[in-house]
């Protein structure tokens, strides 16, 4: 059996120091061209692969970042993940992806799995952990669950994408949810809508609370009445959007002329339910989403939405994490991005009332 070649063997055969071989491998300092070529030739000859674990013991870094998210099937999260991957790769990191699978689990099991992943990532000696969704999105997180994350934050850098936890200070990259809810509602009001509903999300989630707060603020500023029976929280999926829109259209009395949906999947479900009920969107009813995922541009009609700038959220979080790991600068605790309104085909002036 052939003996595995070490960095010491490469150095001996090249007649250089181990430090010089290391400089060539890691490209950390200039090396004379002829010497570099000699070393690189030996590396190629022996197909030498540096030992990542050994290198991590020397550098005190693994080059790995842990990512914990709640539902990879929701297109918002892969979009954020794409931004994370772009910036992480640029900075020289790879990552462990941990999906708590909340769509298939009850809520207590989800948070239990989240705790398990946090500890697994510590065992893997990741250089940092990025969290999005899950407990950090709870409007009122139980103290024990918040304390668990705060303790981990003392051992390894943590960055939250949206959300927050009480009792400690965390580095966060967030989108302004209240501004998003306000802007999409103001768009509908600007088109002439006065009777507007809000459907989707969960009342215990801070993202829903923020978007609904923006909706209510825009309605109040315009002097419009919020019909409380037109507000329905039932989740973030296409099927839940169909169900909520169906209930809205089955109500007796006047219907809303426009509906603000808590995310794009709910908006797509709402369009499907409206069309099934014989309505035309946007001629009979306008519908908006929130997220700005690519899928929103692929439905008929294309969905007007509030872009939460998923790619930039991911890129910004990865960059903040890099700064924390490298200790290259003082890092602001809070990085806030402003959402952007994307106007497409699902909104128009309201139909005239007879």
Protein backbone atom coordinates (compact mmCIF):
# COMPACT_ATOMS: atom_id res chain seq x y z
CA UNK A 1 0.00 0.00 0.00
CA UNK A 2 1.41 3.37 -1.05
CA UNK A 3 2.39 5.69 1.81
CA UNK A 4 0.38 8.91 1.83
CA UNK A 5 2.49 11.96 1.05
CA UNK A 6 2.66 14.72 3.66
CA UNK A 7 3.60 18.36 3.46
CA UNK A 8 6.93 17.40 5.04
CA UNK A 9 7.66 14.98 2.18
CA UNK A 10 6.90 17.68 -0.37
CA UNK A 11 9.20 20.13 1.45
CA UNK A 12 12.05 17.59 1.69
CA UNK A 13 11.94 16.62 -1.98
CA UNK A 14 11.68 20.25 -3.10
CA UNK A 15 14.54 21.16 -0.75
CA UNK A 16 12.51 23.96 0.87
CA UNK A 17 10.96 24.60 4.27
CA UNK A 18 7.50 23.41 5.27
CA UNK A 19 6.54 27.10 5.61
CA UNK A 20 7.38 27.68 1.93
CA UNK A 21 5.17 24.77 0.85
CA UNK A 22 2.41 26.18 3.06
CA UNK A 23 2.74 29.58 1.40
CA UNK A 24 2.28 27.96 -2.01
CA UNK A 25 -0.69 25.87 -0.85
CA UNK A 26 -2.50 28.78 0.82
CA UNK A 27 -1.19 31.56 -1.42
CA UNK A 28 -0.47 33.60 1.72
CA UNK A 29 2.87 35.15 0.66
CA UNK A 30 4.99 35.54 -2.49
CA UNK A 31 7.29 32.66 -3.43
CA UNK A 32 10.01 32.76 -6.11
CA UNK A 33 8.50 31.61 -9.43
CA UNK A 34 10.96 28.75 -10.02
CA UNK A 35 10.48 27.50 -6.45
CA UNK A 36 6.68 27.74 -6.75
CA UNK A 37 6.78 25.73 -10.00
CA UNK A 38 8.96 23.04 -8.40
CA UNK A 39 6.62 22.72 -5.42
CA UNK A 40 3.47 22.78 -7.57
CA UNK A 41 4.96 20.07 -9.79
CA UNK A 42 5.45 17.80 -6.79
CA UNK A 43 1.93 18.56 -5.52
CA UNK A 44 0.55 17.52 -8.92
CA UNK A 45 2.85 14.47 -9.16
CA UNK A 46 1.68 13.04 -5.84
CA UNK A 47 -1.88 14.41 -6.14
CA UNK A 48 -1.27 15.91 -2.74
CA UNK A 49 -4.40 17.08 -0.90
CA UNK A 50 -3.86 19.22 2.24
CA UNK A 51 -5.54 17.90 5.35
CA UNK A 52 -8.37 20.32 6.17
CA UNK A 53 -8.61 19.15 9.78
CA UNK A 54 -4.88 19.62 10.37
CA UNK A 55 -5.01 23.04 8.77
CA UNK A 56 -7.96 24.01 10.94
CA UNK A 57 -5.99 23.11 14.07
CA UNK A 58 -3.20 25.44 12.99
CA UNK A 59 -5.40 28.31 11.78
CA UNK A 60 -8.09 27.82 14.44
CA UNK A 61 -10.63 28.00 11.62
CA UNK A 62 -12.49 25.34 9.64
CA UNK A 63 -13.70 27.55 6.79
CA UNK A 64 -17.21 26.22 7.46
CA UNK A 65 -20.35 28.20 8.28
CA UNK A 66 -23.53 26.56 9.57
CA UNK A 67 -26.90 27.61 8.14
CA UNK A 68 -30.17 26.76 9.93
CA UNK A 69 -33.47 27.38 8.13
CA UNK A 70 -37.01 26.06 8.61
CA UNK A 71 -38.31 25.00 5.18
CA UNK A 72 -36.21 24.52 2.05
CA UNK A 73 -39.39 23.98 -0.01
CA UNK A 74 -40.44 27.62 0.50
CA UNK A 75 -38.77 29.48 -2.42
CA UNK A 76 -37.87 32.45 -0.20
CA UNK A 77 -35.23 30.43 1.63
CA UNK A 78 -33.37 29.02 -1.42
CA UNK A 79 -33.19 32.57 -2.82
CA UNK A 80 -31.59 33.84 0.39
CA UNK A 81 -29.36 30.76 0.39
CA UNK A 82 -28.18 31.58 -3.15
CA UNK A 83 -27.02 35.01 -1.95
CA UNK A 84 -25.33 33.43 1.06
CA UNK A 85 -23.50 30.93 -1.14
CA UNK A 86 -22.28 33.61 -3.56
CA UNK A 87 -20.70 35.74 -0.85
CA UNK A 88 -19.48 32.80 1.26
CA UNK A 89 -17.68 31.28 -1.74
CA UNK A 90 -16.14 34.68 -2.55
CA UNK A 91 -14.79 34.90 1.01
CA UNK A 92 -13.48 31.32 0.96
CA UNK A 93 -16.17 29.56 3.03
CA UNK A 94 -18.36 26.53 2.49
CA UNK A 95 -21.31 25.62 4.68
CA UNK A 96 -23.38 22.98 6.39
CA UNK A 97 -27.09 23.38 5.58
CA UNK A 98 -29.55 22.33 8.31
CA UNK A 99 -33.27 22.25 7.37
CA UNK A 100 -35.55 21.81 10.37
CA UNK A 101 -38.36 20.71 8.02
CA UNK A 102 -41.08 22.76 9.70
CA UNK A 103 -43.65 22.05 6.99
CA UNK A 104 -43.69 18.37 8.02
CA UNK A 105 -43.25 18.77 11.78
CA UNK A 106 -45.27 20.14 14.64
CA UNK A 107 -43.89 23.37 16.03
CA UNK A 108 -42.37 21.87 19.20
CA UNK A 109 -40.52 19.24 17.17
CA UNK A 110 -39.20 21.96 14.86
CA UNK A 111 -37.64 23.90 17.73
CA UNK A 112 -36.26 20.67 19.21
CA UNK A 113 -34.57 19.88 15.91
CA UNK A 114 -33.28 23.46 15.76
CA UNK A 115 -31.59 22.94 19.15
CA UNK A 116 -30.10 19.66 17.94
CA UNK A 117 -28.64 21.34 14.87
CA UNK A 118 -27.15 24.17 16.92
CA UNK A 119 -25.25 21.62 19.01
CA UNK A 120 -24.23 19.52 16.01
CA UNK A 121 -22.75 22.62 14.34
CA UNK A 122 -20.78 23.40 17.49
CA UNK A 123 -19.43 19.83 17.43
CA UNK A 124 -18.44 20.33 13.79
CA UNK A 125 -16.47 23.38 14.97
CA UNK A 126 -17.99 25.71 12.39
CA UNK A 127 -16.58 29.22 12.35
CA UNK A 128 -20.05 30.77 12.63
CA UNK A 129 -23.79 30.07 12.41
CA UNK A 130 -26.40 31.93 10.36
CA UNK A 131 -30.04 31.50 11.39
CA UNK A 132 -33.15 32.40 9.42
CA UNK A 133 -36.71 31.53 10.32
CA UNK A 134 -37.66 29.31 13.23
CA UNK A 135 -37.57 30.64 16.78
CA UNK A 136 -35.90 33.93 15.82
CA UNK A 137 -39.08 34.85 13.89
CA UNK A 138 -41.34 34.39 16.90
CA UNK A 139 -42.94 37.66 18.01
CA UNK A 140 -42.54 36.50 21.64
CA UNK A 141 -39.94 33.77 21.96
CA UNK A 142 -39.92 31.77 25.24
CA UNK A 143 -37.02 32.82 27.49
CA UNK A 144 -35.39 29.38 27.62
CA UNK A 145 -35.25 29.06 23.83
CA UNK A 146 -33.78 32.56 23.54
CA UNK A 147 -31.25 31.87 26.31
CA UNK A 148 -30.01 28.73 24.56
CA UNK A 149 -29.08 30.77 21.46
CA UNK A 150 -27.54 33.55 23.56
CA UNK A 151 -25.23 31.00 25.21
CA UNK A 152 -24.12 29.68 21.83
CA UNK A 153 -23.47 33.25 20.68
CA UNK A 154 -20.80 33.47 23.41
CA UNK A 155 -18.93 30.54 21.85
CA UNK A 156 -19.27 31.17 18.12
CA UNK A 157 -20.37 34.17 15.98
CA UNK A 158 -24.08 34.19 15.17
CA UNK A 159 -25.89 36.21 12.50
CA UNK A 160 -29.68 36.38 12.17
CA UNK A 161 -31.43 37.04 8.87
CA UNK A 162 -34.58 38.88 9.91
CA UNK A 163 -36.04 38.11 13.31
CA UNK A 164 -34.53 38.71 16.74
CA UNK A 165 -34.43 37.22 20.23
CA UNK A 166 -34.91 38.96 23.59
CA UNK A 167 -32.38 39.09 26.40
CA UNK A 168 -29.17 39.55 24.39
CA UNK A 169 -27.67 41.49 21.50
CA UNK A 170 -27.23 39.67 18.21
CA UNK A 171 -25.83 40.64 14.82
CA UNK A 172 -28.77 40.91 12.45
CA UNK A 173 -29.39 41.56 8.76
CA UNK A 174 -33.04 42.48 8.31
CA UNK A 175 -35.53 43.74 5.77
CA UNK A 176 -37.90 46.47 6.97
CA UNK A 177 -41.11 44.42 7.19
CA UNK A 178 -43.26 47.35 8.32
CA UNK A 179 -42.12 49.45 5.35
CA UNK A 180 -42.90 46.51 3.05
CA UNK A 181 -46.46 46.14 4.32
CA UNK A 182 -46.98 49.88 4.10
CA UNK A 183 -45.58 50.25 0.56
CA UNK A 184 -47.62 47.48 -1.02
CA UNK A 185 -50.81 48.78 0.65
CA UNK A 186 -50.07 52.36 -0.47
CA UNK A 187 -49.71 51.05 -4.02
CA UNK A 188 -53.26 49.66 -3.89
CA UNK A 189 -54.62 52.83 -2.27
CA UNK A 190 -52.92 54.86 -4.99
CA UNK A 191 -54.80 52.85 -7.61
CA UNK A 192 -58.07 53.88 -5.93
CA UNK A 193 -58.78 50.86 -3.71
CA UNK A 194 -60.58 51.54 -0.44
CA UNK A 195 -61.78 48.06 0.54
CA UNK A 196 -58.63 46.03 1.12
CA UNK A 197 -58.13 42.69 2.89
CA UNK A 198 -55.00 41.13 4.40
CA UNK A 199 -54.52 37.34 4.39
CA UNK A 200 -51.72 34.94 5.30
CA UNK A 201 -48.93 34.49 7.80
CA UNK A 202 -49.13 33.62 11.47
CA UNK A 203 -50.03 36.05 14.29
CA UNK A 204 -47.17 34.71 16.46
CA UNK A 205 -44.55 35.45 13.77
CA UNK A 206 -42.73 38.79 13.77
CA UNK A 207 -42.68 38.99 9.95
CA UNK A 208 -46.48 38.78 9.83
CA UNK A 209 -46.81 41.28 12.68
CA UNK A 210 -44.55 43.74 10.83
CA UNK A 211 -46.30 43.42 7.47
CA UNK A 212 -49.72 43.75 9.08
CA UNK A 213 -48.54 46.79 11.05
CA UNK A 214 -47.48 48.45 7.79
CA UNK A 215 -50.84 47.57 6.23
CA UNK A 216 -52.76 49.09 9.13
CA UNK A 217 -50.57 52.23 9.14
CA UNK A 218 -51.14 52.84 5.43
CA UNK A 219 -54.90 52.37 5.81
CA UNK A 220 -55.00 54.73 8.81
CA UNK A 221 -52.96 57.40 7.01
CA UNK A 222 -55.43 57.26 4.13
CA UNK A 223 -58.40 57.49 6.50
CA UNK A 224 -59.63 54.03 5.48
CA UNK A 225 -61.41 51.48 7.64
CA UNK A 226 -59.75 48.11 8.27
CA UNK A 227 -62.38 45.37 8.14
CA UNK A 228 -61.22 43.00 10.88
CA UNK A 229 -63.18 40.10 9.39
CA UNK A 230 -61.10 40.55 6.21
CA UNK A 231 -57.90 39.76 8.09
CA UNK A 232 -57.12 36.05 8.09
CA UNK A 233 -53.95 34.33 9.33
CA UNK A 234 -53.61 30.80 8.07
CA UNK A 235 -50.05 30.18 6.92
CA UNK A 236 -47.66 30.85 4.07
CA UNK A 237 -48.38 28.15 1.46
CA UNK A 238 -50.22 28.16 -1.88
CA UNK A 239 -52.90 25.84 -0.49
CA UNK A 240 -53.43 28.06 2.56
CA UNK A 241 -53.72 31.04 0.20
CA UNK A 242 -56.45 29.23 -1.76
CA UNK A 243 -58.29 28.37 1.45
CA UNK A 244 -58.14 31.90 2.90
CA UNK A 245 -59.15 33.54 -0.37
CA UNK A 246 -62.00 31.06 -0.69
CA UNK A 247 -63.31 32.01 2.77
CA UNK A 248 -63.00 35.69 1.91
CA UNK A 249 -65.02 35.31 -1.29
CA UNK A 250 -67.69 33.22 0.46
CA UNK A 251 -68.48 35.97 2.98
CA UNK A 252 -71.82 37.70 2.72
CA UNK A 253 -71.98 41.40 1.88
CA UNK A 254 -69.42 43.51 0.05
CA UNK A 255 -66.20 41.95 -1.08
CA UNK A 256 -62.80 43.62 -0.92
CA UNK A 257 -61.56 45.01 -4.22
CA UNK A 258 -57.96 44.19 -3.32
CA UNK A 259 -56.08 41.70 -1.16
CA UNK A 260 -52.63 42.07 0.40
CA UNK A 261 -51.13 38.60 0.84
CA UNK A 262 -48.48 37.93 3.49
CA UNK A 263 -46.15 36.27 0.98
CA UNK A 264 -45.97 35.33 -2.69
CA UNK A 265 -47.12 31.72 -2.23
CA UNK A 266 -50.30 32.92 -0.53
CA UNK A 267 -50.72 35.44 -3.37
CA UNK A 268 -50.46 32.67 -5.97
CA UNK A 269 -53.03 30.60 -4.06
CA UNK A 270 -55.30 33.64 -3.83
CA UNK A 271 -55.15 34.14 -7.61
CA UNK A 272 -56.05 30.49 -8.18
CA UNK A 273 -59.03 30.72 -5.81
CA UNK A 274 -60.27 33.96 -7.40
CA UNK A 275 -60.08 32.51 -10.91
CA UNK A 276 -61.87 29.35 -9.76
CA UNK A 277 -64.63 31.56 -8.34
CA UNK A 278 -65.11 33.12 -11.78
CA UNK A 279 -63.28 36.38 -11.13
CA UNK A 280 -60.70 38.02 -13.35
CA UNK A 281 -57.49 39.31 -11.78
CA UNK A 282 -56.99 42.27 -11.74
CA UNK A 283 -60.21 43.42 -13.45
CA UNK A 284 -62.47 42.20 -10.64
CA UNK A 285 -59.98 42.03 -7.77
CA UNK A 286 -56.33 43.03 -7.29
CA UNK A 287 -53.89 40.77 -5.45
CA UNK A 288 -50.38 41.46 -4.15
CA UNK A 289 -47.69 39.33 -2.55
CA UNK A 290 -44.61 39.87 -0.43
CA UNK A 291 -41.18 38.21 -0.96
CA UNK A 292 -40.23 38.80 -4.58
CA UNK A 293 -39.34 35.18 -5.38
CA UNK A 294 -38.86 34.33 -9.10
CA UNK A 295 -41.98 32.15 -9.07
CA UNK A 296 -44.11 35.29 -8.65
CA UNK A 297 -43.19 36.35 -12.20
CA UNK A 298 -44.19 32.95 -13.63
CA UNK A 299 -47.90 32.87 -12.74
CA UNK A 300 -50.74 34.28 -14.83
CA UNK A 301 -51.25 37.12 -14.19
CA UNK A 302 -47.73 37.92 -12.98
CA UNK A 303 -47.89 38.86 -9.31
CA UNK A 304 -47.30 42.40 -8.07
CA UNK A 305 -45.13 41.94 -5.00
CA UNK A 306 -42.94 43.55 -2.39
CA UNK A 307 -39.41 42.30 -3.02
CA UNK A 308 -37.61 41.44 0.20
CA UNK A 309 -34.33 41.43 -1.75
CA UNK A 310 -33.57 37.82 -0.89
CA UNK A 311 -30.20 37.63 -2.66
CA UNK A 312 -28.96 40.80 -0.97
CA UNK A 313 -30.15 39.56 2.43
CA UNK A 314 -28.08 36.43 1.95
CA UNK A 315 -25.01 38.22 0.61
CA UNK A 316 -25.10 40.81 3.40
CA UNK A 317 -25.41 38.13 6.11
CA UNK A 318 -22.46 36.18 4.71
CA UNK A 319 -20.35 39.35 4.56
CA UNK A 320 -21.23 40.29 8.15
CA UNK A 321 -20.31 36.75 9.22
CA UNK A 322 -16.96 37.02 7.41
CA UNK A 323 -16.21 40.26 9.25
CA UNK A 324 -17.05 38.63 12.59
CA UNK A 325 -14.89 35.57 11.90
CA UNK A 326 -11.92 37.53 10.57
CA UNK A 327 -12.28 40.28 13.18
CA UNK A 328 -11.39 42.65 10.35
CA UNK A 329 -13.55 45.56 11.53
CA UNK A 330 -16.09 46.71 14.04
CA UNK A 331 -19.36 45.22 12.84
CA UNK A 332 -22.69 46.97 13.29
CA UNK A 333 -25.21 44.91 15.22
CA UNK A 334 -27.97 45.84 12.76
CA UNK A 335 -27.92 45.98 8.95
CA UNK A 336 -31.30 47.06 7.52
CA UNK A 337 -32.36 46.72 3.87
CA UNK A 338 -35.34 48.56 2.37
CA UNK A 339 -37.85 46.45 0.40
CA UNK A 340 -38.70 47.31 -3.20
CA UNK A 341 -42.12 47.34 -4.86
CA UNK A 342 -42.29 45.27 -8.05
CA UNK A 343 -45.43 46.19 -10.02
CA UNK A 344 -46.66 43.52 -12.42
CA UNK A 345 -50.04 42.41 -13.81
CA UNK A 346 -52.12 41.42 -10.75
CA UNK A 347 -53.06 44.97 -9.67
CA UNK A 348 -55.22 47.61 -11.35
CA UNK A 349 -57.80 50.26 -10.38
CA UNK A 350 -60.87 48.80 -8.66
CA UNK A 351 -64.03 47.97 -10.62
CA UNK A 352 -66.68 50.67 -10.39
CA UNK A 353 -69.34 49.98 -7.73
CA UNK A 354 -72.93 50.35 -8.82
